[in-house]
C-alpha atoms as a PDB file:
ATOM      1  CA  UNK A   1     117.598 142.464  86.923  1.00  0.00           C
ATOM      2  CA  UNK A   2     115.412 143.684  84.065  1.00  0.00           C
ATOM      3  CA  UNK A   3     111.752 143.488  84.980  1.00  0.00           C
ATOM      4  CA  UNK A   4     109.474 141.595  82.622  1.00  0.00           C
ATOM      5  CA  UNK A   5     105.915 142.471  81.632  1.00  0.00           C
ATOM      6  CA  UNK A   6     103.251 140.777  79.524  1.00  0.00           C
ATOM      7  CA  UNK A   7     100.485 142.940  78.047  1.00  0.00           C
ATOM      8  CA  UNK A   8      97.463 141.392  76.336  1.00  0.00           C
ATOM      9  CA  UNK A   9      95.818 143.383  73.583  1.00  0.00           C
ATOM     10  CA  UNK A  10      99.130 145.212  73.505  1.00  0.00           C
ATOM     11  CA  UNK A  11      99.549 146.031  69.815  1.00  0.00           C
ATOM     12  CA  UNK A  12      97.229 149.043  69.729  1.00  0.00           C
ATOM     13  CA  UNK A  13      95.247 151.457  71.856  1.00  0.00           C
ATOM     14  CA  UNK A  14      95.674 151.498  75.625  1.00  0.00           C
ATOM     15  CA  UNK A  15      97.642 148.252  75.482  1.00  0.00           C
ATOM     16  CA  UNK A  16     100.180 149.678  73.052  1.00  0.00           C
ATOM     17  CA  UNK A  17     100.492 152.884  75.044  1.00  0.00           C
ATOM     18  CA  UNK A  18     101.127 150.821  78.163  1.00  0.00           C
ATOM     19  CA  UNK A  19     103.667 148.552  76.469  1.00  0.00           C
ATOM     20  CA  UNK A  20     105.548 151.549  75.051  1.00  0.00           C
ATOM     21  CA  UNK A  21     105.596 153.325  78.410  1.00  0.00           C
ATOM     22  CA  UNK A  22     106.921 150.269  80.230  1.00  0.00           C
ATOM     23  CA  UNK A  23     109.557 149.644  77.554  1.00  0.00           C
ATOM     24  CA  UNK A  24     110.701 153.260  77.845  1.00  0.00           C
ATOM     25  CA  UNK A  25     111.173 152.665  81.576  1.00  0.00           C
ATOM     26  CA  UNK A  26     113.465 149.732  80.879  1.00  0.00           C
ATOM     27  CA  UNK A  27     111.035 146.832  81.153  1.00  0.00           C
ATOM     28  CA  UNK A  28     111.299 143.812  78.850  1.00  0.00           C
ATOM     29  CA  UNK A  29     107.825 143.748  77.329  1.00  0.00           C
ATOM     30  CA  UNK A  30     105.978 141.010  75.449  1.00  0.00           C
ATOM     31  CA  UNK A  31     102.526 141.631  74.027  1.00  0.00           C
ATOM     32  CA  UNK A  32      99.764 139.326  72.851  1.00  0.00           C
ATOM     33  CA  UNK A  33      97.315 140.441  70.178  1.00  0.00           C
ATOM     34  CA  UNK A  34      95.167 139.105  67.340  1.00  0.00           C
ATOM     35  CA  UNK A  35      96.135 141.906  64.925  1.00  0.00           C
ATOM     36  CA  UNK A  36      99.078 140.619  62.875  1.00  0.00           C
ATOM     37  CA  UNK A  37      99.558 143.950  61.093  1.00  0.00           C
ATOM     38  CA  UNK A  38      99.779 145.883  64.347  1.00  0.00           C
ATOM     39  CA  UNK A  39     102.148 143.297  65.830  1.00  0.00           C
ATOM     40  CA  UNK A  40     104.459 143.610  62.827  1.00  0.00           C
ATOM     41  CA  UNK A  41     104.676 147.363  63.389  1.00  0.00           C
ATOM     42  CA  UNK A  42     105.933 147.079  66.979  1.00  0.00           C
ATOM     43  CA  UNK A  43     109.321 148.602  67.728  1.00  0.00           C
ATOM     44  CA  UNK A  44     111.360 147.522  70.746  1.00  0.00           C
ATOM     45  CA  UNK A  45     108.537 145.291  71.972  1.00  0.00           C
ATOM     46  CA  UNK A  46     108.145 141.580  71.250  1.00  0.00           C
ATOM     47  CA  UNK A  47     104.767 140.657  69.809  1.00  0.00           C
ATOM     48  CA  UNK A  48     102.994 137.300  69.715  1.00  0.00           C
ATOM     49  CA  UNK A  49      99.870 136.441  67.727  1.00  0.00           C
ATOM     50  CA  UNK A  50      97.357 135.026  70.185  1.00  0.00           C
ATOM     51  CA  UNK A  51      93.610 134.959  70.803  1.00  0.00           C
ATOM     52  CA  UNK A  52      93.557 135.066  74.593  1.00  0.00           C
ATOM     53  CA  UNK A  53      90.042 133.613  74.720  1.00  0.00           C
ATOM     54  CA  UNK A  54      91.382 130.398  73.152  1.00  0.00           C
ATOM     55  CA  UNK A  55      92.755 128.030  75.794  1.00  0.00           C
ATOM     56  CA  UNK A  56      95.062 126.161  73.416  1.00  0.00           C
ATOM     57  CA  UNK A  57      96.430 129.383  71.940  1.00  0.00           C
ATOM     58  CA  UNK A  58      97.242 130.754  75.395  1.00  0.00           C
ATOM     59  CA  UNK A  59      98.955 127.510  76.400  1.00  0.00           C
ATOM     60  CA  UNK A  60     100.974 127.549  73.188  1.00  0.00           C
ATOM     61  CA  UNK A  61     102.242 131.094  73.489  1.00  0.00           C
ATOM     62  CA  UNK A  62     103.101 130.669  77.176  1.00  0.00           C
ATOM     63  CA  UNK A  63     105.080 127.562  76.264  1.00  0.00           C
ATOM     64  CA  UNK A  64     106.954 129.636  73.676  1.00  0.00           C
ATOM     65  CA  UNK A  65     107.642 132.406  76.181  1.00  0.00           C
ATOM     66  CA  UNK A  66     108.896 129.892  78.763  1.00  0.00           C
ATOM     67  CA  UNK A  67     108.566 132.443  81.561  1.00  0.00           C
ATOM     68  CA  UNK A  68     110.487 131.566  84.696  1.00  0.00           C
ATOM     69  CA  UNK A  69     109.409 134.842  86.270  1.00  0.00           C
ATOM     70  CA  UNK A  70     106.962 137.625  85.416  1.00  0.00           C
ATOM     71  CA  UNK A  71     106.878 140.924  87.268  1.00  0.00           C
ATOM     72  CA  UNK A  72     103.721 142.331  85.699  1.00  0.00           C
ATOM     73  CA  UNK A  73     100.725 140.986  83.802  1.00  0.00           C
ATOM     74  CA  UNK A  74      98.416 143.535  82.193  1.00  0.00           C
ATOM     75  CA  UNK A  75      95.117 142.027  81.036  1.00  0.00           C
ATOM     76  CA  UNK A  76      93.951 144.586  78.504  1.00  0.00           C
ATOM     77  CA  UNK A  77      92.594 142.510  75.607  1.00  0.00           C
ATOM     78  CA  UNK A  78      88.969 143.039  74.692  1.00  0.00           C
ATOM     79  CA  UNK A  79      86.535 144.385  72.135  1.00  0.00           C
ATOM     80  CA  UNK A  80      86.701 148.144  71.833  1.00  0.00           C
ATOM     81  CA  UNK A  81      83.077 148.845  70.877  1.00  0.00           C
ATOM     82  CA  UNK A  82      80.811 148.532  73.936  1.00  0.00           C
ATOM     83  CA  UNK A  83      77.523 148.865  72.026  1.00  0.00           C
ATOM     84  CA  UNK A  84      75.814 145.572  71.179  1.00  0.00           C
ATOM     85  CA  UNK A  85      72.314 146.845  70.435  1.00  0.00           C
ATOM     86  CA  UNK A  86      69.022 146.479  72.257  1.00  0.00           C
ATOM     87  CA  UNK A  87      69.063 143.584  74.699  1.00  0.00           C
ATOM     88  CA  UNK A  88      65.942 141.954  73.281  1.00  0.00           C
ATOM     89  CA  UNK A  89      67.856 141.591  69.999  1.00  0.00           C
ATOM     90  CA  UNK A  90      71.231 140.639  71.506  1.00  0.00           C
ATOM     91  CA  UNK A  91      72.322 137.237  70.212  1.00  0.00           C
ATOM     92  CA  UNK A  92      73.727 134.762  72.701  1.00  0.00           C
ATOM     93  CA  UNK A  93      76.795 134.370  70.482  1.00  0.00           C
ATOM     94  CA  UNK A  94      77.518 138.107  70.715  1.00  0.00           C
ATOM     95  CA  UNK A  95      77.000 138.065  74.493  1.00  0.00           C
ATOM     96  CA  UNK A  96      79.421 135.166  74.850  1.00  0.00           C
ATOM     97  CA  UNK A  97      81.957 136.742  72.499  1.00  0.00           C
ATOM     98  CA  UNK A  98      82.049 139.901  74.608  1.00  0.00           C
ATOM     99  CA  UNK A  99      82.542 137.976  77.853  1.00  0.00           C
ATOM    100  CA  UNK A 100      85.132 135.702  76.250  1.00  0.00           C
ATOM    101  CA  UNK A 101      87.077 138.680  74.950  1.00  0.00           C
ATOM    102  CA  UNK A 102      87.241 140.638  78.205  1.00  0.00           C
ATOM    103  CA  UNK A 103      86.783 138.077  80.976  1.00  0.00           C
ATOM    104  CA  UNK A 104      87.625 134.556  79.819  1.00  0.00           C
ATOM    105  CA  UNK A 105      90.819 135.796  78.189  1.00  0.00           C
ATOM    106  CA  UNK A 106      91.921 137.451  81.422  1.00  0.00           C
ATOM    107  CA  UNK A 107      91.180 134.233  83.317  1.00  0.00           C
ATOM    108  CA  UNK A 108      93.110 132.014  80.900  1.00  0.00           C
ATOM    109  CA  UNK A 109      96.195 134.218  80.747  1.00  0.00           C
ATOM    110  CA  UNK A 110      96.208 134.849  84.489  1.00  0.00           C
ATOM    111  CA  UNK A 111      95.889 131.146  85.257  1.00  0.00           C
ATOM    112  CA  UNK A 112      98.806 130.350  82.961  1.00  0.00           C
ATOM    113  CA  UNK A 113     101.004 133.099  84.403  1.00  0.00           C
ATOM    114  CA  UNK A 114     100.504 132.479  88.135  1.00  0.00           C
ATOM    115  CA  UNK A 115     103.671 130.375  88.613  1.00  0.00           C
ATOM    116  CA  UNK A 116     105.870 132.989  86.917  1.00  0.00           C
ATOM    117  CA  UNK A 117     104.160 135.834  88.784  1.00  0.00           C
ATOM    118  CA  UNK A 118     104.582 134.033  92.087  1.00  0.00           C
ATOM    119  CA  UNK A 119     108.289 133.455  91.388  1.00  0.00           C
ATOM    120  CA  UNK A 120     108.772 137.197  90.898  1.00  0.00           C
ATOM    121  CA  UNK A 121     106.287 138.300  93.576  1.00  0.00           C
ATOM    122  CA  UNK A 122     104.734 140.217  90.729  1.00  0.00           C
ATOM    123  CA  UNK A 123     101.403 141.904  90.167  1.00  0.00           C
ATOM    124  CA  UNK A 124      98.389 141.799  87.892  1.00  0.00           C
ATOM    125  CA  UNK A 125      96.660 144.870  86.488  1.00  0.00           C
ATOM    126  CA  UNK A 126      93.312 144.289  84.799  1.00  0.00           C
ATOM    127  CA  UNK A 127      92.047 147.021  82.493  1.00  0.00           C
ATOM    128  CA  UNK A 128      88.322 147.258  83.194  1.00  0.00           C
ATOM    129  CA  UNK A 129      86.192 150.366  82.535  1.00  0.00           C
ATOM    130  CA  UNK A 130      84.082 152.997  84.243  1.00  0.00           C
ATOM    131  CA  UNK A 131      81.210 151.129  82.579  1.00  0.00           C
ATOM    132  CA  UNK A 132      81.601 148.675  85.442  1.00  0.00           C
ATOM    133  CA  UNK A 133      80.163 151.511  87.576  1.00  0.00           C
ATOM    134  CA  UNK A 134      77.817 153.356  85.205  1.00  0.00           C
ATOM    135  CA  UNK A 135      76.280 152.658  81.816  1.00  0.00           C
ATOM    136  CA  UNK A 136      74.942 153.930  78.530  1.00  0.00           C
ATOM    137  CA  UNK A 137      72.033 152.234  76.738  1.00  0.00           C
ATOM    138  CA  UNK A 138      72.638 149.012  74.817  1.00  0.00           C
ATOM    139  CA  UNK A 139      75.939 148.104  76.494  1.00  0.00           C
ATOM    140  CA  UNK A 140      74.781 145.241  78.726  1.00  0.00           C
ATOM    141  CA  UNK A 141      77.353 142.683  77.557  1.00  0.00           C
ATOM    142  CA  UNK A 142      80.272 145.101  77.823  1.00  0.00           C
ATOM    143  CA  UNK A 143      79.196 146.421  81.225  1.00  0.00           C
ATOM    144  CA  UNK A 144      78.712 142.884  82.532  1.00  0.00           C
ATOM    145  CA  UNK A 145      82.140 141.828  81.265  1.00  0.00           C
ATOM    146  CA  UNK A 146      83.932 144.807  82.787  1.00  0.00           C
ATOM    147  CA  UNK A 147      82.027 144.510  86.053  1.00  0.00           C
ATOM    148  CA  UNK A 148      82.948 140.847  86.262  1.00  0.00           C
ATOM    149  CA  UNK A 149      86.590 141.656  85.466  1.00  0.00           C
ATOM    150  CA  UNK A 150      86.610 144.097  88.373  1.00  0.00           C
ATOM    151  CA  UNK A 151      85.207 141.447  90.729  1.00  0.00           C
ATOM    152  CA  UNK A 152      87.670 138.889  89.344  1.00  0.00           C
ATOM    153  CA  UNK A 153      90.433 141.295  90.334  1.00  0.00           C
ATOM    154  CA  UNK A 154      89.622 141.550  94.028  1.00  0.00           C
ATOM    155  CA  UNK A 155      89.069 137.787  94.196  1.00  0.00           C
ATOM    156  CA  UNK A 156      92.557 137.281  92.749  1.00  0.00           C
ATOM    157  CA  UNK A 157      94.035 139.668  95.302  1.00  0.00           C
ATOM    158  CA  UNK A 158      92.603 137.628  98.168  1.00  0.00           C
ATOM    159  CA  UNK A 159      93.466 134.241  96.668  1.00  0.00           C
ATOM    160  CA  UNK A 160      96.988 135.008  95.450  1.00  0.00           C
ATOM    161  CA  UNK A 161      98.261 137.347  98.154  1.00  0.00           C
ATOM    162  CA  UNK A 162     100.707 137.993  99.619  1.00  0.00           C
ATOM    163  CA  UNK A 163     102.858 136.650  96.779  1.00  0.00           C
ATOM    164  CA  UNK A 164     100.920 138.337  93.971  1.00  0.00           C
ATOM    165  CA  UNK A 165      99.018 141.620  94.029  1.00  0.00           C
ATOM    166  CA  UNK A 166      96.048 142.304  91.745  1.00  0.00           C
ATOM    167  CA  UNK A 167      94.390 145.622  90.923  1.00  0.00           C
ATOM    168  CA  UNK A 168      92.004 146.977  88.309  1.00  0.00           C
ATOM    169  CA  UNK A 169      92.105 150.229  86.377  1.00  0.00           C
ATOM    170  CA  UNK A 170      88.769 151.664  85.258  1.00  0.00           C
ATOM    171  CA  UNK A 171      89.463 154.088  82.401  1.00  0.00           C
ATOM    172  CA  UNK A 172      86.874 156.578  81.240  1.00  0.00           C
ATOM    173  CA  UNK A 173      87.040 158.432  77.917  1.00  0.00           C
ATOM    174  CA  UNK A 174      90.509 157.664  76.558  1.00  0.00           C
ATOM    175  CA  UNK A 175      91.465 158.909  73.086  1.00  0.00           C
ATOM    176  CA  UNK A 176      93.582 156.246  71.358  1.00  0.00           C
ATOM    177  CA  UNK A 177      92.944 156.864  67.655  1.00  0.00           C
ATOM    178  CA  UNK A 178      96.592 157.586  66.918  1.00  0.00           C
ATOM    179  CA  UNK A 179      97.596 154.277  68.533  1.00  0.00           C
ATOM    180  CA  UNK A 180      95.748 152.157  65.981  1.00  0.00           C
ATOM    181  CA  UNK A 181      97.169 151.011  62.605  1.00  0.00           C
ATOM    182  CA  UNK A 182      96.607 153.813  60.112  1.00  0.00           C
ATOM    183  CA  UNK A 183      94.724 155.731  62.768  1.00  0.00           C
ATOM    184  CA  UNK A 184      94.778 159.395  63.629  1.00  0.00           C
ATOM    185  CA  UNK A 185      93.859 161.337  66.721  1.00  0.00           C
ATOM    186  CA  UNK A 186      90.165 162.180  66.914  1.00  0.00           C
ATOM    187  CA  UNK A 187      89.092 165.773  66.394  1.00  0.00           C
ATOM    188  CA  UNK A 188      87.938 166.542  69.908  1.00  0.00           C
ATOM    189  CA  UNK A 189      85.934 169.660  70.707  1.00  0.00           C
ATOM    190  CA  UNK A 190      86.267 172.062  73.605  1.00  0.00           C
ATOM    191  CA  UNK A 191      83.009 170.605  74.919  1.00  0.00           C
ATOM    192  CA  UNK A 192      84.527 167.118  74.877  1.00  0.00           C
ATOM    193  CA  UNK A 193      87.380 168.323  77.052  1.00  0.00           C
ATOM    194  CA  UNK A 194      85.393 170.716  79.249  1.00  0.00           C
ATOM    195  CA  UNK A 195      82.912 168.095  80.466  1.00  0.00           C
ATOM    196  CA  UNK A 196      85.786 166.470  82.378  1.00  0.00           C
ATOM    197  CA  UNK A 197      86.592 168.097  85.739  1.00  0.00           C
ATOM    198  CA  UNK A 198      90.259 167.562  84.845  1.00  0.00           C
ATOM    199  CA  UNK A 199      89.701 169.752  81.783  1.00  0.00           C
ATOM    200  CA  UNK A 200      90.558 167.258  79.061  1.00  0.00           C
ATOM    201  CA  UNK A 201      89.878 163.845  77.567  1.00  0.00           C
ATOM    202  CA  UNK A 202      92.269 161.121  78.734  1.00  0.00           C
ATOM    203  CA  UNK A 203      95.156 159.562  76.842  1.00  0.00           C
ATOM    204  CA  UNK A 204      96.685 156.104  76.807  1.00  0.00           C
ATOM    205  CA  UNK A 205      99.627 157.558  78.707  1.00  0.00           C
ATOM    206  CA  UNK A 206      97.308 158.416  81.612  1.00  0.00           C
ATOM    207  CA  UNK A 207      96.430 154.736  81.905  1.00  0.00           C
ATOM    208  CA  UNK A 208     100.004 153.572  81.293  1.00  0.00           C
ATOM    209  CA  UNK A 209     101.361 155.754  84.092  1.00  0.00           C
ATOM    210  CA  UNK A 210      98.774 154.267  86.451  1.00  0.00           C
ATOM    211  CA  UNK A 211      99.804 150.758  85.424  1.00  0.00           C
ATOM    212  CA  UNK A 212     103.446 151.585  86.144  1.00  0.00           C
ATOM    213  CA  UNK A 213     102.527 153.068  89.529  1.00  0.00           C
ATOM    214  CA  UNK A 214     100.508 149.990  90.497  1.00  0.00           C
ATOM    215  CA  UNK A 215     103.429 147.765  89.511  1.00  0.00           C
ATOM    216  CA  UNK A 216     105.477 149.467  92.241  1.00  0.00           C
ATOM    217  CA  UNK A 217     102.743 150.127  94.826  1.00  0.00           C
ATOM    218  CA  UNK A 218     103.529 147.249  97.161  1.00  0.00           C
ATOM    219  CA  UNK A 219     100.745 147.933  99.678  1.00  0.00           C
ATOM    220  CA  UNK A 220      97.986 148.366  97.083  1.00  0.00           C
ATOM    221  CA  UNK A 221      96.030 145.261  96.129  1.00  0.00           C
ATOM    222  CA  UNK A 222      92.436 144.267  95.474  1.00  0.00           C
ATOM    223  CA  UNK A 223      91.385 147.775  94.581  1.00  0.00           C
ATOM    224  CA  UNK A 224      90.094 149.647  91.542  1.00  0.00           C
ATOM    225  CA  UNK A 225      91.634 152.884  90.322  1.00  0.00           C
ATOM    226  CA  UNK A 226      89.326 155.107  88.282  1.00  0.00           C
ATOM    227  CA  UNK A 227      91.185 157.036  85.567  1.00  0.00           C
ATOM    228  CA  UNK A 228      88.501 159.225  84.033  1.00  0.00           C
ATOM    229  CA  UNK A 229      89.348 162.875  84.668  1.00  0.00           C
ATOM    230  CA  UNK A 230      86.619 163.015  87.308  1.00  0.00           C
ATOM    231  CA  UNK A 231      83.718 162.208  84.976  1.00  0.00           C
ATOM    232  CA  UNK A 232      82.096 159.617  87.242  1.00  0.00           C
ATOM    233  CA  UNK A 233      81.970 162.181  90.060  1.00  0.00           C
ATOM    234  CA  UNK A 234      79.755 164.637  88.162  1.00  0.00           C
ATOM    235  CA  UNK A 235      76.040 164.970  88.745  1.00  0.00           C
ATOM    236  CA  UNK A 236      74.451 165.353  85.311  1.00  0.00           C
ATOM    237  CA  UNK A 237      70.928 166.678  84.806  1.00  0.00           C
ATOM    238  CA  UNK A 238      68.909 167.217  81.649  1.00  0.00           C
ATOM    239  CA  UNK A 239      68.843 170.823  80.455  1.00  0.00           C
END
């Protein structure tokens, strides 16, 4: 039986790389995204226009999909730019928008997909961030959202097991410029690569391969997998 996956935020960036990797492995892949242009450019992957932070929109697209089983849900949707400015100037609307994008969307889609996931004894992979563990200035909303998504993951693992597994991936620096409409790969320097113990900046494929591994790792649940080339293990001092 062909395995079925649903990837949110799957029309570009890490989500697209993940959807393409799964499709190449023979999965039937549906993606949800708010970017109509990027959805129209998909090849071999079925795209659906959907704002995952909108409860009615999620209900509508899940009704259209009519999933009787789902082997893998990848909650990847979210705002790409983590910087929201100094906290004393951070508007409540911007704070809420960041949490809605990364956290509420994951909740709404997960809630809607539980019956289909349970029928398949499937798994959930939430794409969080190393910013759940460490931060740069002026990223409070993003860090809070990704930290909460990580906690949401281990709560799901306890609540939904043993029928459904749930894990989080915490990517570090992942270059995805070429996986955006009209985008091109960033011009990375030797310094960019060398600061990673692995010797290079990450790619969407690095995350996608981890997603695929977690989909098959039957004794792994409730955990977080850091995919950052070792960056969070470095001790960094001022020169």
